[in-house]
C-alpha atoms as a PDB file:
ATOM      1  CA  MET A   1     -45.583  28.716 -39.143  1.00  0.00           C
ATOM      2  CA  THR A   2     -45.334  25.349 -40.870  1.00  0.00           C
ATOM      3  CA  GLU A   3     -41.748  26.143 -41.875  1.00  0.00           C
ATOM      4  CA  ARG A   4     -40.888  26.681 -38.198  1.00  0.00           C
ATOM      5  CA  ARG A   5     -42.479  23.367 -37.246  1.00  0.00           C
ATOM      6  CA  ALA A   6     -40.548  21.610 -39.981  1.00  0.00           C
ATOM      7  CA  ARG A   7     -37.255  23.094 -38.765  1.00  0.00           C
ATOM      8  CA  LEU A   8     -38.103  22.180 -35.181  1.00  0.00           C
ATOM      9  CA  GLY A   9     -38.920  18.621 -36.270  1.00  0.00           C
ATOM     10  CA  ILE A  10     -35.605  18.307 -38.124  1.00  0.00           C
ATOM     11  CA  PHE A  11     -33.730  19.753 -35.129  1.00  0.00           C
ATOM     12  CA  LEU A  12     -35.362  17.332 -32.700  1.00  0.00           C
ATOM     13  CA  THR A  13     -34.694  14.397 -35.013  1.00  0.00           C
ATOM     14  CA  LEU A  14     -31.019  15.300 -35.316  1.00  0.00           C
ATOM     15  CA  LEU A  15     -30.745  15.881 -31.582  1.00  0.00           C
ATOM     16  CA  ALA A  16     -32.310  12.513 -30.780  1.00  0.00           C
ATOM     17  CA  ALA A  17     -30.043  10.753 -33.285  1.00  0.00           C
ATOM     18  CA  GLY A  18     -26.962  12.429 -31.858  1.00  0.00           C
ATOM     19  CA  GLY A  19     -25.946  13.701 -35.270  1.00  0.00           C
ATOM     20  CA  LEU A  20     -25.277  17.300 -34.309  1.00  0.00           C
ATOM     21  CA  ALA A  21     -21.630  18.181 -34.817  1.00  0.00           C
ATOM     22  CA  ALA A  22     -21.753  20.474 -31.803  1.00  0.00           C
ATOM     23  CA  ALA A  23     -22.784  17.557 -29.579  1.00  0.00           C
ATOM     24  CA  ALA A  24     -19.635  15.558 -30.390  1.00  0.00           C
ATOM     25  CA  PRO A  25     -16.623  16.458 -28.207  1.00  0.00           C
ATOM     26  CA  THR A  26     -13.703  18.055 -29.996  1.00  0.00           C
ATOM     27  CA  GLY A  27     -11.019  15.664 -31.121  1.00  0.00           C
ATOM     28  CA  LYS A  28     -13.415  12.686 -31.173  1.00  0.00           C
ATOM     29  CA  PRO A  29     -15.054  11.569 -34.406  1.00  0.00           C
ATOM     30  CA  ALA A  30     -18.831  11.282 -34.246  1.00  0.00           C
ATOM     31  CA  ASP A  31     -18.668   7.539 -35.086  1.00  0.00           C
ATOM     32  CA  ALA A  32     -16.094   6.648 -32.388  1.00  0.00           C
ATOM     33  CA  GLY A  33     -18.654   4.736 -30.344  1.00  0.00           C
ATOM     34  CA  PRO A  34     -19.873   5.119 -26.760  1.00  0.00           C
ATOM     35  CA  ALA A  35     -17.621   6.572 -24.080  1.00  0.00           C
ATOM     36  CA  SER A  36     -17.744   3.325 -22.071  1.00  0.00           C
ATOM     37  CA  ALA A  37     -15.799   1.513 -24.797  1.00  0.00           C
ATOM     38  CA  ARG A  38     -12.672   3.554 -24.013  1.00  0.00           C
ATOM     39  CA  THR A  39     -10.144   1.993 -21.686  1.00  0.00           C
ATOM     40  CA  THR A  40      -8.807   3.904 -18.717  1.00  0.00           C
ATOM     41  CA  ILE A  41      -5.262   3.316 -17.537  1.00  0.00           C
ATOM     42  CA  ASP A  42      -4.302   4.433 -14.048  1.00  0.00           C
ATOM     43  CA  PRO A  43      -0.792   5.841 -13.756  1.00  0.00           C
ATOM     44  CA  GLN A  44       1.656   3.574 -11.964  1.00  0.00           C
ATOM     45  CA  PRO A  45       4.504   4.958  -9.868  1.00  0.00           C
ATOM     46  CA  PRO A  46       7.972   4.124 -11.206  1.00  0.00           C
ATOM     47  CA  MET A  47       9.078   2.627  -7.850  1.00  0.00           C
ATOM     48  CA  ALA A  48       7.604  -0.107  -5.680  1.00  0.00           C
ATOM     49  CA  LEU A  49       8.180  -0.895  -2.002  1.00  0.00           C
ATOM     50  CA  GLU A  50       6.847  -3.778   0.071  1.00  0.00           C
ATOM     51  CA  VAL A  51       7.359  -4.697   3.751  1.00  0.00           C
ATOM     52  CA  GLU A  52       6.605  -8.306   4.695  1.00  0.00           C
ATOM     53  CA  VAL A  53       7.032 -10.403   7.847  1.00  0.00           C
ATOM     54  CA  SER A  54       8.682 -13.605   6.663  1.00  0.00           C
ATOM     55  CA  GLY A  55       9.101 -15.373   9.992  1.00  0.00           C
ATOM     56  CA  LEU A  56       8.784 -15.126  13.769  1.00  0.00           C
ATOM     57  CA  GLU A  57      10.784 -16.881  16.456  1.00  0.00           C
ATOM     58  CA  LYS A  58       8.505 -16.638  19.503  1.00  0.00           C
ATOM     59  CA  HIS A  59       9.961 -16.376  23.005  1.00  0.00           C
ATOM     60  CA  VAL A  60       8.175 -16.367  26.362  1.00  0.00           C
ATOM     61  CA  ARG A  61       7.819 -12.613  25.969  1.00  0.00           C
ATOM     62  CA  GLY A  62       8.259 -11.107  22.541  1.00  0.00           C
ATOM     63  CA  GLY A  63      10.551 -12.716  19.991  1.00  0.00           C
ATOM     64  CA  ILE A  64      12.635 -12.152  16.874  1.00  0.00           C
ATOM     65  CA  ALA A  65      10.829 -11.231  13.660  1.00  0.00           C
ATOM     66  CA  SER A  66      12.367 -11.666  10.223  1.00  0.00           C
ATOM     67  CA  ILE A  67      11.352  -8.833   7.893  1.00  0.00           C
ATOM     68  CA  VAL A  68      11.822  -8.745   4.109  1.00  0.00           C
ATOM     69  CA  LEU A  69      11.969  -5.380   2.316  1.00  0.00           C
ATOM     70  CA  ARG A  70      11.342  -5.616  -1.445  1.00  0.00           C
ATOM     71  CA  VAL A  71      12.126  -2.636  -3.661  1.00  0.00           C
ATOM     72  CA  GLY A  72      11.770  -2.327  -7.402  1.00  0.00           C
ATOM     73  CA  ALA A  73      11.807   0.210 -10.191  1.00  0.00           C
ATOM     74  CA  ALA A  74      10.338   0.139 -13.679  1.00  0.00           C
ATOM     75  CA  VAL A  75      12.733   2.897 -14.790  1.00  0.00           C
ATOM     76  CA  GLY A  76      16.227   3.860 -13.737  1.00  0.00           C
ATOM     77  CA  VAL A  77      16.268   5.572 -10.328  1.00  0.00           C
ATOM     78  CA  GLU A  78      19.373   7.508  -9.333  1.00  0.00           C
ATOM     79  CA  GLY A  79      20.526   7.720  -5.715  1.00  0.00           C
ATOM     80  CA  ALA A  80      17.916   5.340  -4.324  1.00  0.00           C
ATOM     81  CA  VAL A  81      17.969   5.213  -0.521  1.00  0.00           C
ATOM     82  CA  LEU A  82      15.873   2.800   1.552  1.00  0.00           C
ATOM     83  CA  THR A  83      15.121   3.651   5.198  1.00  0.00           C
ATOM     84  CA  ALA A  84      13.386   1.343   7.700  1.00  0.00           C
ATOM     85  CA  ARG A  85      12.138   2.377  11.148  1.00  0.00           C
ATOM     86  CA  THR A  86      10.876   0.441  14.154  1.00  0.00           C
ATOM     87  CA  PRO A  87       8.302   1.805  16.608  1.00  0.00           C
ATOM     88  CA  GLY A  88       8.660   2.233  20.371  1.00  0.00           C
ATOM     89  CA  ASP A  89      11.123  -0.114  22.017  1.00  0.00           C
ATOM     90  CA  LEU A  90      11.562  -2.477  19.048  1.00  0.00           C
ATOM     91  CA  ARG A  91      15.144  -2.675  17.766  1.00  0.00           C
ATOM     92  CA  PHE A  92      16.917  -4.087  14.746  1.00  0.00           C
ATOM     93  CA  ALA A  93      19.432  -6.879  15.429  1.00  0.00           C
ATOM     94  CA  ASP A  94      22.266  -4.318  15.679  1.00  0.00           C
ATOM     95  CA  GLY A  95      20.387  -2.346  18.387  1.00  0.00           C
ATOM     96  CA  SER A  96      19.325   0.597  16.212  1.00  0.00           C
ATOM     97  CA  GLN A  97      15.807   1.848  15.496  1.00  0.00           C
ATOM     98  CA  VAL A  98      16.599   3.283  12.062  1.00  0.00           C
ATOM     99  CA  LYS A  99      18.493   1.527   9.256  1.00  0.00           C
ATOM    100  CA  THR A 100      19.444   3.006   5.882  1.00  0.00           C
ATOM    101  CA  TRP A 101      20.679   1.300   2.710  1.00  0.00           C
ATOM    102  CA  LYS A 102      21.796   2.673  -0.636  1.00  0.00           C
ATOM    103  CA  VAL A 103      20.039   0.560  -3.256  1.00  0.00           C
ATOM    104  CA  ASP A 104      21.292   0.226  -6.834  1.00  0.00           C
ATOM    105  CA  LEU A 105      18.247   0.893  -9.015  1.00  0.00           C
ATOM    106  CA  ALA A 106      20.062   2.926 -11.697  1.00  0.00           C
ATOM    107  CA  LYS A 107      19.028   0.399 -14.363  1.00  0.00           C
ATOM    108  CA  GLY A 108      15.691  -0.482 -12.782  1.00  0.00           C
ATOM    109  CA  GLY A 109      14.985  -3.998 -11.552  1.00  0.00           C
ATOM    110  CA  ALA A 110      14.252  -5.345  -8.080  1.00  0.00           C
ATOM    111  CA  ARG A 111      16.205  -5.889  -4.862  1.00  0.00           C
ATOM    112  CA  THR A 112      15.427  -7.713  -1.620  1.00  0.00           C
ATOM    113  CA  ILE A 113      16.800  -6.935   1.857  1.00  0.00           C
ATOM    114  CA  ALA A 114      16.225  -9.212   4.860  1.00  0.00           C
ATOM    115  CA  ILE A 115      16.526  -7.879   8.418  1.00  0.00           C
ATOM    116  CA  ASP A 116      15.746  -9.122  11.925  1.00  0.00           C
ATOM    117  CA  VAL A 117      13.777  -7.133  14.507  1.00  0.00           C
ATOM    118  CA  LEU A 118      13.986  -7.787  18.254  1.00  0.00           C
ATOM    119  CA  VAL A 119      10.555  -7.551  19.887  1.00  0.00           C
ATOM    120  CA  PRO A 120      10.662  -7.247  23.711  1.00  0.00           C
ATOM    121  CA  ARG A 121       6.987  -8.037  24.387  1.00  0.00           C
ATOM    122  CA  ASP A 122       3.842  -9.350  22.741  1.00  0.00           C
ATOM    123  CA  GLY A 123       1.666  -6.932  20.812  1.00  0.00           C
ATOM    124  CA  ARG A 124       0.866  -5.407  17.446  1.00  0.00           C
ATOM    125  CA  TYR A 125       3.483  -3.267  15.747  1.00  0.00           C
ATOM    126  CA  SER A 126       4.052  -1.556  12.411  1.00  0.00           C
ATOM    127  CA  ILE A 127       7.428  -1.564  10.639  1.00  0.00           C
ATOM    128  CA  ALA A 128       7.691   1.481   8.359  1.00  0.00           C
ATOM    129  CA  ALA A 129       9.936   1.821   5.299  1.00  0.00           C
ATOM    130  CA  GLU A 130      10.590   4.625   2.833  1.00  0.00           C
ATOM    131  CA  LEU A 131      12.310   4.608  -0.565  1.00  0.00           C
ATOM    132  CA  GLU A 132      13.623   7.842  -2.082  1.00  0.00           C
ATOM    133  CA  GLY A 133      15.391   8.600  -5.346  1.00  0.00           C
ATOM    134  CA  THR A 134      15.340  10.698  -8.507  1.00  0.00           C
ATOM    135  CA  THR A 135      14.400   9.886 -12.084  1.00  0.00           C
ATOM    136  CA  ASN A 136      14.702  12.329 -14.966  1.00  0.00           C
ATOM    137  CA  GLY A 137      15.653  15.022 -12.443  1.00  0.00           C
ATOM    138  CA  ARG A 138      12.455  14.586 -10.413  1.00  0.00           C
ATOM    139  CA  ALA A 139      12.438  13.395  -6.817  1.00  0.00           C
ATOM    140  CA  ILE A 140      10.180  10.441  -6.096  1.00  0.00           C
ATOM    141  CA  ARG A 141       9.316   8.857  -2.775  1.00  0.00           C
ATOM    142  CA  ARG A 142       7.427   5.713  -1.795  1.00  0.00           C
ATOM    143  CA  GLY A 143       6.396   4.598   1.665  1.00  0.00           C
ATOM    144  CA  ALA A 144       5.036   1.334   3.012  1.00  0.00           C
ATOM    145  CA  ALA A 145       4.415  -0.363   6.341  1.00  0.00           C
ATOM    146  CA  GLY A 146       4.137  -3.983   7.398  1.00  0.00           C
ATOM    147  CA  ALA A 147       2.034  -5.255  10.270  1.00  0.00           C
ATOM    148  CA  LEU A 148       3.820  -7.343  12.897  1.00  0.00           C
ATOM    149  CA  GLU A 149       1.765  -9.266  15.445  1.00  0.00           C
ATOM    150  CA  VAL A 150       3.624 -11.087  18.199  1.00  0.00           C
ATOM    151  CA  GLY A 151       1.959 -13.317  20.778  1.00  0.00           C
ATOM    152  CA  ARG A 152      -1.608 -14.437  21.107  1.00  0.00           C
ATOM    153  CA  HIS A 153      -4.212 -13.057  18.784  1.00  0.00           C
ATOM    154  CA  LEU A 154      -5.359  -9.706  20.119  1.00  0.00           C
ATOM    155  CA  GLY A 155      -8.872  -9.915  18.690  1.00  0.00           C
ATOM    156  CA  PRO A 156     -12.107  -9.242  20.563  1.00  0.00           C
ATOM    157  CA  PRO A 157     -12.516 -11.059  23.888  1.00  0.00           C
ATOM    158  CA  PRO A 158     -14.778 -14.120  24.013  1.00  0.00           C
ATOM    159  CA  THR A 159     -18.434 -13.619  24.935  1.00  0.00           C
ATOM    160  CA  ARG A 160     -20.857 -15.878  26.743  1.00  0.00           C
ATOM    161  CA  GLU A 161     -24.589 -15.141  26.704  1.00  0.00           C
ATOM    162  CA  GLY A 162     -23.868 -11.545  25.675  1.00  0.00           C
ATOM    163  CA  ALA A 163     -21.297 -10.841  28.409  1.00  0.00           C
ATOM    164  CA  VAL A 164     -17.543 -10.554  27.882  1.00  0.00           C
ATOM    165  CA  GLU A 165     -15.565 -13.229  29.717  1.00  0.00           C
ATOM    166  CA  TYR A 166     -12.229 -12.355  31.270  1.00  0.00           C
ATOM    167  CA  LEU A 167     -10.163 -15.148  32.760  1.00  0.00           C
ATOM    168  CA  ALA A 168      -8.319 -14.385  35.983  1.00  0.00           C
ATOM    169  CA  VAL A 169      -5.273 -16.375  34.798  1.00  0.00           C
ATOM    170  CA  GLU A 170      -4.842 -18.232  31.529  1.00  0.00           C
ATOM    171  CA  ALA A 171      -3.681 -21.813  31.861  1.00  0.00           C
ATOM    172  CA  GLY A 172       0.125 -22.071  32.003  1.00  0.00           C
ATOM    173  CA  THR A 173       0.826 -18.325  32.004  1.00  0.00           C
ATOM    174  CA  ALA A 174       0.826 -17.567  35.710  1.00  0.00           C
ATOM    175  CA  GLU A 175       4.060 -15.954  36.882  1.00  0.00           C
ATOM    176  CA  VAL A 176       5.320 -15.448  40.409  1.00  0.00           C
ATOM    177  CA  GLN A 177       6.445 -11.882  41.009  1.00  0.00           C
ATOM    178  CA  PRO A 178       9.312 -11.482  43.545  1.00  0.00           C
END
């Protein structure tokens, strides 16, 4: 009975000290330190795509927005094609809603494309872009969208003493309809 207690005492001591070989994960030495000391690296896609509004020429209704598309690749991408789309009745300067460019990313690097978008009325819009290509025989695809806000800020309406205020006509915006 005392031999059993001695073995149990040794077992519990080893277990508490973390010295059991079975407790250490395979491939990791027992003296490698705590798991929190390891660094974790998130995988990064080999292509990058960004859609940015660089300027806005405001008209009475709507305006002309200047959009910058930035593409980049950390590795060589073969047959890279960039496609941009406008929603609803927005149009690119040439009148189309879809534009496509072949982008030379065979040696990696970055490219920038500037385009103008005609906006017929005030509002919030989203300009979508997609970049496709292949690297090492594998197809890769990246998508991005840029927010475009034209006109007055479309945030929540003003409140007064807990009630929402709506103006009948804002100063200087009244129009006479024929």
